C-alpha atoms as a PDB file:
ATOM      1  CA  MET A   1      -0.221   0.030   0.115  1.00  0.00           C
ATOM      2  CA  ASN A   2       1.124   3.207  -1.099  1.00  0.00           C
ATOM      3  CA  LYS A   3       1.820   6.420   1.513  1.00  0.00           C
ATOM      4  CA  PRO A   4      -0.985   8.630   0.230  1.00  0.00           C
ATOM      5  CA  LEU A   5      -3.411   5.462   0.527  1.00  0.00           C
ATOM      6  CA  MET A   6      -2.106   4.684   4.013  1.00  0.00           C
ATOM      7  CA  GLN A   7      -2.780   8.006   4.934  1.00  0.00           C
ATOM      8  CA  PHE A   8      -6.087   8.694   3.616  1.00  0.00           C
ATOM      9  CA  ALA A   9      -7.003   4.994   5.386  1.00  0.00           C
ATOM     10  CA  PHE A  10      -5.929   6.672   8.910  1.00  0.00           C
ATOM     11  CA  ALA A  11      -7.638   9.621   8.259  1.00  0.00           C
ATOM     12  CA  LEU A  12     -10.717   7.406   7.717  1.00  0.00           C
ATOM     13  CA  LEU A  13     -10.249   5.637  10.522  1.00  0.00           C
ATOM     14  CA  LEU A  14     -10.088   8.426  12.836  1.00  0.00           C
ATOM     15  CA  ALA A  15     -13.295  10.022  11.381  1.00  0.00           C
ATOM     16  CA  LEU A  16     -14.878   6.727  12.054  1.00  0.00           C
ATOM     17  CA  MET A  17     -13.891   6.369  15.236  1.00  0.00           C
ATOM     18  CA  ALA A  18     -14.884  10.043  16.255  1.00  0.00           C
ATOM     19  CA  GLY A  19     -18.247   9.703  15.104  1.00  0.00           C
ATOM     20  CA  GLY A  20     -18.793   6.258  17.135  1.00  0.00           C
ATOM     21  CA  VAL A  21     -17.790   8.586  20.279  1.00  0.00           C
ATOM     22  CA  SER A  22     -20.183  11.478  19.415  1.00  0.00           C
ATOM     23  CA  ALA A  23     -22.816   8.857  19.012  1.00  0.00           C
ATOM     24  CA  GLN A  24     -22.163   7.285  22.378  1.00  0.00           C
ATOM     25  CA  ALA A  25     -21.869  11.031  23.808  1.00  0.00           C
ATOM     26  CA  GLN A  26     -25.729  11.632  22.206  1.00  0.00           C
ATOM     27  CA  THR A  27     -26.974   8.081  23.266  1.00  0.00           C
ATOM     28  CA  ARG A  28     -25.515   8.804  27.141  1.00  0.00           C
ATOM     29  CA  ALA A  29     -27.349  12.366  26.904  1.00  0.00           C
ATOM     30  CA  TYR A  30     -30.632  11.284  25.263  1.00  0.00           C
ATOM     31  CA  ALA A  31     -33.732  10.976  27.460  1.00  0.00           C
ATOM     32  CA  PRO A  32     -36.950  11.758  26.689  1.00  0.00           C
ATOM     33  CA  GLU A  33     -38.909  14.614  28.299  1.00  0.00           C
ATOM     34  CA  ASN A  34     -41.577  11.896  29.469  1.00  0.00           C
ATOM     35  CA  LEU A  35     -39.866   9.436  31.533  1.00  0.00           C
ATOM     36  CA  ARG A  36     -42.807   7.347  31.730  1.00  0.00           C
ATOM     37  CA  THR A  37     -41.814   5.753  28.537  1.00  0.00           C
ATOM     38  CA  LEU A  38     -38.975   4.244  29.936  1.00  0.00           C
ATOM     39  CA  SER A  39     -38.331   1.406  32.389  1.00  0.00           C
ATOM     40  CA  VAL A  40     -38.034   2.521  36.257  1.00  0.00           C
ATOM     41  CA  SER A  41     -34.016   1.321  35.792  1.00  0.00           C
ATOM     42  CA  ASP A  42     -33.178   3.344  32.789  1.00  0.00           C
ATOM     43  CA  GLN A  43     -34.911   6.281  34.642  1.00  0.00           C
ATOM     44  CA  SER A  44     -32.548   5.663  37.384  1.00  0.00           C
ATOM     45  CA  ARG A  45     -30.256   5.149  34.806  1.00  0.00           C
ATOM     46  CA  VAL A  46     -30.715   8.725  33.133  1.00  0.00           C
ATOM     47  CA  ILE A  47     -31.515  10.594  36.246  1.00  0.00           C
ATOM     48  CA  GLY A  48     -28.022   9.310  37.807  1.00  0.00           C
ATOM     49  CA  GLN A  49     -26.457  10.365  34.474  1.00  0.00           C
ATOM     50  CA  GLU A  50     -27.987  13.969  34.841  1.00  0.00           C
ATOM     51  CA  TYR A  51     -26.838  14.517  38.693  1.00  0.00           C
ATOM     52  CA  SER A  52     -22.973  12.716  37.816  1.00  0.00           C
ATOM     53  CA  GLU A  53     -23.059  15.453  34.984  1.00  0.00           C
ATOM     54  CA  GLN A  54     -24.287  18.644  36.732  1.00  0.00           C
ATOM     55  CA  SER A  55     -22.147  17.803  40.316  1.00  0.00           C
ATOM     56  CA  ARG A  56     -18.831  16.509  38.377  1.00  0.00           C
ATOM     57  CA  GLY A  57     -18.963  13.098  39.078  1.00  0.00           C
ATOM     58  CA  ARG A  58     -20.571  12.896  42.111  1.00  0.00           C
ATOM     59  CA  ARG A  59     -23.481   9.851  42.959  1.00  0.00           C
ATOM     60  CA  ILE A  60     -27.232  11.056  43.244  1.00  0.00           C
ATOM     61  CA  PRO A  61     -27.917  10.249  46.798  1.00  0.00           C
ATOM     62  CA  ASP A  62     -30.348   7.259  47.418  1.00  0.00           C
ATOM     63  CA  ASP A  63     -33.167   9.623  48.890  1.00  0.00           C
ATOM     64  CA  GLN A  64     -33.044  12.150  46.186  1.00  0.00           C
ATOM     65  CA  LEU A  65     -33.098   9.409  43.407  1.00  0.00           C
ATOM     66  CA  ARG A  66     -36.061   7.897  45.240  1.00  0.00           C
ATOM     67  CA  PHE A  67     -37.575  11.251  45.583  1.00  0.00           C
ATOM     68  CA  TYR A  68     -37.399  11.736  41.722  1.00  0.00           C
ATOM     69  CA  LEU A  69     -38.734   8.400  40.628  1.00  0.00           C
ATOM     70  CA  ASP A  70     -41.821   9.061  42.727  1.00  0.00           C
ATOM     71  CA  GLN A  71     -42.487  12.036  41.225  1.00  0.00           C
ATOM     72  CA  VAL A  72     -41.634  10.736  37.904  1.00  0.00           C
ATOM     73  CA  ASN A  73     -44.496   7.964  38.430  1.00  0.00           C
ATOM     74  CA  ARG A  74     -46.948   9.317  40.142  1.00  0.00           C
ATOM     75  CA  SER A  75     -46.959  13.432  39.627  1.00  0.00           C
ATOM     76  CA  ASN A  76     -45.533  13.007  35.794  1.00  0.00           C
ATOM     77  CA  TRP A  77     -42.581  15.053  36.355  1.00  0.00           C
ATOM     78  CA  THR A  78     -41.097  15.953  32.920  1.00  0.00           C
ATOM     79  CA  PHE A  79     -37.199  15.172  32.602  1.00  0.00           C
ATOM     80  CA  SER A  80     -36.829  18.992  32.107  1.00  0.00           C
ATOM     81  CA  ARG A  81     -38.252  19.818  35.699  1.00  0.00           C
ATOM     82  CA  ILE A  82     -35.924  17.052  37.447  1.00  0.00           C
ATOM     83  CA  LYS A  83     -32.859  18.710  35.444  1.00  0.00           C
ATOM     84  CA  GLN A  84     -33.938  22.025  37.133  1.00  0.00           C
ATOM     85  CA  ASP A  85     -34.814  20.567  40.444  1.00  0.00           C
ATOM     86  CA  ILE A  86     -30.896  19.278  40.593  1.00  0.00           C
ATOM     87  CA  ALA A  87     -29.815  22.188  39.485  1.00  0.00           C
ATOM     88  CA  THR A  88     -31.215  23.994  42.225  1.00  0.00           C
ATOM     89  CA  SER A  89     -30.434  21.394  44.258  1.00  0.00           C
ATOM     90  CA  LEU A  90     -26.454  21.847  43.743  1.00  0.00           C
ATOM     91  CA  GLY A  91     -27.027  25.548  43.598  1.00  0.00           C
ATOM     92  CA  GLY A  92     -26.202  26.083  47.111  1.00  0.00           C
ATOM     93  CA  GLY A  93     -22.595  25.570  47.163  1.00  0.00           C
ATOM     94  CA  SER A  94     -22.746  22.529  49.756  1.00  0.00           C
ATOM     95  CA  GLY A  95     -24.650  20.130  47.316  1.00  0.00           C
ATOM     96  CA  GLY A  96     -27.017  19.484  49.875  1.00  0.00           C
ATOM     97  CA  TRP A  97     -30.955  18.452  49.158  1.00  0.00           C
ATOM     98  CA  ASN A  98     -33.989  19.025  51.253  1.00  0.00           C
ATOM     99  CA  PRO A  99     -37.351  17.349  49.870  1.00  0.00           C
ATOM    100  CA  ASN A 100     -38.965  19.773  52.436  1.00  0.00           C
ATOM    101  CA  PRO A 101     -37.523  23.374  52.061  1.00  0.00           C
ATOM    102  CA  GLY A 102     -37.174  24.658  55.744  1.00  0.00           C
ATOM    103  CA  ASN A 103     -40.384  26.662  57.117  1.00  0.00           C
ATOM    104  CA  GLY A 104     -38.884  27.491  60.684  1.00  0.00           C
ATOM    105  CA  TYR A 105     -40.199  24.119  62.077  1.00  0.00           C
ATOM    106  CA  PRO A 106     -37.712  21.461  62.766  1.00  0.00           C
ATOM    107  CA  GLY A 107     -39.145  18.237  62.055  1.00  0.00           C
ATOM    108  CA  THR A 108     -39.040  14.922  64.237  1.00  0.00           C
ATOM    109  CA  GLY A 109     -38.480  12.823  61.240  1.00  0.00           C
ATOM    110  CA  ARG A 110     -41.589  10.914  61.797  1.00  0.00           C
ATOM    111  CA  VAL A 111     -43.229  10.902  58.712  1.00  0.00           C
ATOM    112  CA  ILE A 112     -46.632   9.139  57.499  1.00  0.00           C
ATOM    113  CA  ARG A 113     -48.406   8.837  54.018  1.00  0.00           C
ATOM    114  CA  CYS A 114     -51.957   9.669  53.752  1.00  0.00           C
ATOM    115  CA  GLU A 115     -53.871   9.589  49.749  1.00  0.00           C
ATOM    116  CA  SER A 116     -56.948  10.190  48.931  1.00  0.00           C
ATOM    117  CA  ILE A 117     -58.063   7.826  46.465  1.00  0.00           C
ATOM    118  CA  ASN A 118     -60.470   8.363  43.689  1.00  0.00           C
ATOM    119  CA  MET A 119     -61.293  12.012  45.340  1.00  0.00           C
ATOM    120  CA  ARG A 120     -62.566  10.619  48.257  1.00  0.00           C
ATOM    121  CA  GLU A 121     -62.099  11.313  52.217  1.00  0.00           C
ATOM    122  CA  ARG A 122     -60.084   9.501  54.269  1.00  0.00           C
ATOM    123  CA  SER A 123     -58.503   9.780  57.540  1.00  0.00           C
ATOM    124  CA  CYS A 124     -55.256   8.559  58.785  1.00  0.00           C
ATOM    125  CA  PRO A 125     -54.153   7.805  62.366  1.00  0.00           C
ATOM    126  CA  THR A 126     -50.692   9.689  62.817  1.00  0.00           C
ATOM    127  CA  GLY A 127     -49.660   8.736  66.352  1.00  0.00           C
ATOM    128  CA  PHE A 128     -48.329  12.654  66.515  1.00  0.00           C
ATOM    129  CA  ARG A 129     -48.562  14.577  69.517  1.00  0.00           C
ATOM    130  CA  ASN A 130     -47.687  17.650  68.013  1.00  0.00           C
ATOM    131  CA  ARG A 131     -49.110  19.562  64.461  1.00  0.00           C
ATOM    132  CA  ALA A 132     -48.322  18.090  61.439  1.00  0.00           C
ATOM    133  CA  ARG A 133     -46.784  19.790  58.107  1.00  0.00           C
ATOM    134  CA  LEU A 134     -47.055  18.747  54.501  1.00  0.00           C
ATOM    135  CA  VAL A 135     -43.602  17.645  53.217  1.00  0.00           C
ATOM    136  CA  ARG A 136     -44.423  16.194  49.720  1.00  0.00           C
ATOM    137  CA  ASN A 137     -46.726  16.561  47.368  1.00  0.00           C
ATOM    138  CA  LEU A 138     -47.626  13.268  45.927  1.00  0.00           C
ATOM    139  CA  SER A 139     -50.629  14.531  43.935  1.00  0.00           C
ATOM    140  CA  LYS A 140     -51.239  16.665  40.933  1.00  0.00           C
ATOM    141  CA  GLY A 141     -52.781  19.230  42.149  1.00  0.00           C
ATOM    142  CA  GLN A 142     -51.967  21.219  45.745  1.00  0.00           C
ATOM    143  CA  CYS A 143     -52.678  19.860  49.129  1.00  0.00           C
ATOM    144  CA  ILE A 144     -53.894  22.820  50.837  1.00  0.00           C
ATOM    145  CA  GLU A 145     -54.230  22.785  54.533  1.00  0.00           C
ATOM    146  CA  GLY A 146     -58.044  23.569  55.592  1.00  0.00           C
ATOM    147  CA  ASN A 147     -58.902  22.588  51.790  1.00  0.00           C
ATOM    148  CA  SER A 148     -58.014  19.206  50.793  1.00  0.00           C
ATOM    149  CA  TRP A 149     -56.631  18.166  54.244  1.00  0.00           C
ATOM    150  CA  ARG A 150     -57.003  18.827  57.810  1.00  0.00           C
ATOM    151  CA  GLN A 151     -55.724  17.420  60.738  1.00  0.00           C
ATOM    152  CA  GLN A 152     -56.898  17.182  64.439  1.00  0.00           C
ATOM    153  CA  PRO A 153     -54.381  15.632  67.230  1.00  0.00           C
ATOM    154  CA  GLY A 154     -53.507  12.067  66.159  1.00  0.00           C
ATOM    155  CA  THR A 155     -55.412  12.124  62.954  1.00  0.00           C
ATOM    156  CA  ILE A 156     -55.060  13.568  59.449  1.00  0.00           C
ATOM    157  CA  TRP A 157     -57.923  13.758  56.805  1.00  0.00           C
ATOM    158  CA  VAL A 158     -57.070  14.247  53.275  1.00  0.00           C
ATOM    159  CA  ARG A 159     -60.126  14.598  50.454  1.00  0.00           C
ATOM    160  CA  ASN A 160     -60.215  16.038  46.773  1.00  0.00           C
ATOM    161  CA  GLY A 161     -57.279  14.002  45.458  1.00  0.00           C
ATOM    162  CA  CYS A 162     -54.787  15.041  47.983  1.00  0.00           C
ATOM    163  CA  ARG A 163     -52.071  12.451  48.220  1.00  0.00           C
ATOM    164  CA  GLY A 164     -48.798  13.363  50.437  1.00  0.00           C
ATOM    165  CA  GLU A 165     -46.571  12.999  53.126  1.00  0.00           C
ATOM    166  CA  PHE A 166     -46.791  14.312  56.536  1.00  0.00           C
ATOM    167  CA  GLU A 167     -44.444  14.864  59.097  1.00  0.00           C
ATOM    168  CA  GLU A 168     -44.929  15.860  62.887  1.00  0.00           C
ATOM    169  CA  ILE A 169     -43.343  19.169  63.726  1.00  0.00           C
ATOM    170  CA  THR A 170     -41.695  20.712  66.892  1.00  0.00           C
ATOM    171  CA  GLY A 171     -40.619  24.237  67.958  1.00  0.00           C
ATOM    172  CA  GLY A 172     -44.074  25.487  68.183  1.00  0.00           C
ATOM    173  CA  GLY A 173     -45.184  23.029  70.923  1.00  0.00           C
ATOM    174  CA  GLY A 174     -47.976  20.932  71.027  1.00  0.00           C
ATOM    175  CA  TRP A 175     -51.628  21.172  70.535  1.00  0.00           C
ATOM    176  CA  ASN A 176     -52.884  24.628  71.998  1.00  0.00           C
ATOM    177  CA  PRO A 177     -57.065  24.568  71.866  1.00  0.00           C
ATOM    178  CA  GLY A 178     -56.430  28.477  72.792  1.00  0.00           C
ATOM    179  CA  GLY A 179     -54.869  29.565  69.691  1.00  0.00           C
ATOM    180  CA  GLY A 180     -51.435  31.279  69.548  1.00  0.00           C
ATOM    181  CA  ASN A 181     -49.635  28.102  68.031  1.00  0.00           C
ATOM    182  CA  GLY A 182     -48.798  29.278  64.398  1.00  0.00           C
ATOM    183  CA  TYR A 183     -52.375  27.091  63.382  1.00  0.00           C
ATOM    184  CA  SER A 184     -53.036  28.723  59.902  1.00  0.00           C
ATOM    185  CA  VAL A 185     -55.423  27.696  57.002  1.00  0.00           C
ATOM    186  CA  THR A 186     -55.029  28.821  53.336  1.00  0.00           C
ATOM    187  CA  CYS A 187     -58.437  29.115  51.492  1.00  0.00           C
ATOM    188  CA  VAL A 188     -58.511  30.229  47.898  1.00  0.00           C
ATOM    189  CA  SER A 189     -61.110  31.726  45.475  1.00  0.00           C
ATOM    190  CA  GLU A 190     -60.063  30.098  42.233  1.00  0.00           C
ATOM    191  CA  SER A 191     -61.601  31.857  38.891  1.00  0.00           C
ATOM    192  CA  ASN A 192     -63.610  34.084  41.609  1.00  0.00           C
ATOM    193  CA  ARG A 193     -65.559  31.115  42.784  1.00  0.00           C
ATOM    194  CA  HIS A 194     -66.846  30.680  46.617  1.00  0.00           C
ATOM    195  CA  ARG A 195     -65.375  28.304  48.359  1.00  0.00           C
ATOM    196  CA  THR A 196     -65.053  27.107  51.803  1.00  0.00           C
ATOM    197  CA  CYS A 197     -62.535  25.511  54.008  1.00  0.00           C
ATOM    198  CA  ALA A 198     -62.845  24.145  57.508  1.00  0.00           C
ATOM    199  CA  TRP A 199     -61.709  26.019  60.416  1.00  0.00           C
ATOM    200  CA  ASP A 200     -61.126  24.958  63.888  1.00  0.00           C
ATOM    201  CA  SER A 201     -63.472  27.412  66.116  1.00  0.00           C
ATOM    202  CA  ARG A 202     -61.313  26.451  69.028  1.00  0.00           C
ATOM    203  CA  GLN A 203     -58.183  28.251  67.796  1.00  0.00           C
ATOM    204  CA  GLY A 204     -60.255  31.412  68.130  1.00  0.00           C
ATOM    205  CA  ARG A 205     -61.643  33.849  65.662  1.00  0.00           C
ATOM    206  CA  PRO A 206     -59.280  33.821  61.979  1.00  0.00           C
ATOM    207  CA  VAL A 207     -57.856  36.727  60.765  1.00  0.00           C
ATOM    208  CA  VAL A 208     -56.206  37.378  57.329  1.00  0.00           C
ATOM    209  CA  ILE A 209     -52.377  36.857  58.267  1.00  0.00           C
ATOM    210  CA  GLN A 210     -50.994  36.642  54.328  1.00  0.00           C
ATOM    211  CA  ASN A 211     -52.814  37.763  51.360  1.00  0.00           C
ATOM    212  CA  ILE A 212     -51.882  35.789  48.673  1.00  0.00           C
ATOM    213  CA  SER A 213     -53.752  37.289  45.574  1.00  0.00           C
ATOM    214  CA  LYS A 214     -53.650  40.248  43.940  1.00  0.00           C
ATOM    215  CA  THR A 215     -57.058  41.453  45.287  1.00  0.00           C
ATOM    216  CA  PRO A 216     -56.869  42.455  48.429  1.00  0.00           C
ATOM    217  CA  CYS A 217     -58.907  40.237  51.042  1.00  0.00           C
ATOM    218  CA  ARG A 218     -61.690  42.230  52.850  1.00  0.00           C
ATOM    219  CA  GLU A 219     -63.651  40.710  55.625  1.00  0.00           C
ATOM    220  CA  ASN A 220     -67.488  40.538  54.668  1.00  0.00           C
ATOM    221  CA  VAL A 221     -66.482  41.440  51.217  1.00  0.00           C
ATOM    222  CA  ASN A 222     -64.719  38.956  49.607  1.00  0.00           C
ATOM    223  CA  TRP A 223     -64.305  36.282  52.937  1.00  0.00           C
ATOM    224  CA  GLY A 224     -66.091  35.577  56.274  1.00  0.00           C
ATOM    225  CA  TYR A 225     -66.506  33.226  59.291  1.00  0.00           C
ATOM    226  CA  GLN A 226     -68.922  31.110  60.672  1.00  0.00           C
ATOM    227  CA  GLY A 227     -68.925  28.552  62.884  1.00  0.00           C
ATOM    228  CA  GLN A 228     -66.636  26.112  61.702  1.00  0.00           C
ATOM    229  CA  GLN A 229     -65.990  27.607  58.419  1.00  0.00           C
ATOM    230  CA  ILE A 230     -64.124  30.056  56.415  1.00  0.00           C
ATOM    231  CA  TRP A 231     -65.788  31.248  53.040  1.00  0.00           C
ATOM    232  CA  VAL A 232     -63.763  32.831  50.293  1.00  0.00           C
ATOM    233  CA  ASN A 233     -65.179  34.507  46.836  1.00  0.00           C
ATOM    234  CA  ARG A 234     -64.563  37.185  44.074  1.00  0.00           C
ATOM    235  CA  GLY A 235     -60.653  35.989  43.690  1.00  0.00           C
ATOM    236  CA  CYS A 236     -59.583  36.015  47.408  1.00  0.00           C
ATOM    237  CA  ARG A 237     -56.520  33.810  48.317  1.00  0.00           C
ATOM    238  CA  ALA A 238     -55.332  34.110  51.587  1.00  0.00           C
ATOM    239  CA  ARG A 239     -53.661  32.392  54.918  1.00  0.00           C
ATOM    240  CA  PHE A 240     -55.710  32.738  57.873  1.00  0.00           C
ATOM    241  CA  GLY A 241     -54.593  32.634  61.132  1.00  0.00           C
ATOM    242  CA  VAL A 242     -55.080  33.956  64.960  1.00  0.00           C
ATOM    243  CA  ARG A 243     -53.367  36.921  66.169  1.00  0.00           C
END
C-alpha cells in the first residue's frame, strides 16, 4: 500500500472513531421528556447520569433518586423539571438536597403517608402529639391545609385527590386549643368562585395573616367566617390565622 493511500485510510479510521464517540455521547445524554416511557431502571440511569454531569461526577443520593422516581411515576414530572430541580439542589454550593424546604419548624423525622383515592375523603391515624406539616406532595394538584387536607391531634384527613407525606413538627409546642400556636388555614377562591374551608373554632377567630392574591381580601366583602368554616369568593386567596 502506497503512502498516500495509507494516510487516507488512517484519516478515515480517525473520522469513524470520532463519529462513534460522538454517537455514544449523544446516546448517554439523551433522555425523553416523558420519563414514564422508560423502565424504572432506565429512569434511574438517566436521572443518575444527569446528576453526575451537573455535580461533576458525584453519585446521586439514594433518597433524592427515590424522590425523583416517585415524582415521575406519580406526579408526571418531566425530565426538564428534574434537570432544573437538580440544578437548584446543587446551586447552594453545599450540594445538599432537602425535599422539604425549611419553614422554620424542625421536624421529628416521623413521616406518614395519607392519600385520597378517587377523590374520596380518608382519615389516617398519625400518633403525632404535635402538629403536622405537608413535606411532600404526591398528587397532581395542590394539597392545601383547610381545603384538601386537615388535621386534629393524632389524625389527618385528606380529600379531593390530595396525596402526600406528612411530618410531625416541633418548635411550636403541642396542640393548644386556645390558639397562638401557629395554626393557619389557606383558603383559595379559584376563578372568582365561592369556596369554603374548614376552620377549627377552638383556635379563635380567624384573621388574614397573608394575602396571597392580587385582590385584597376584605372581611365581609370577599371573605368571611361562620361556625367551623371560612368562606372566600371574588378571587380572594389568603392564609388565615389567629393573632
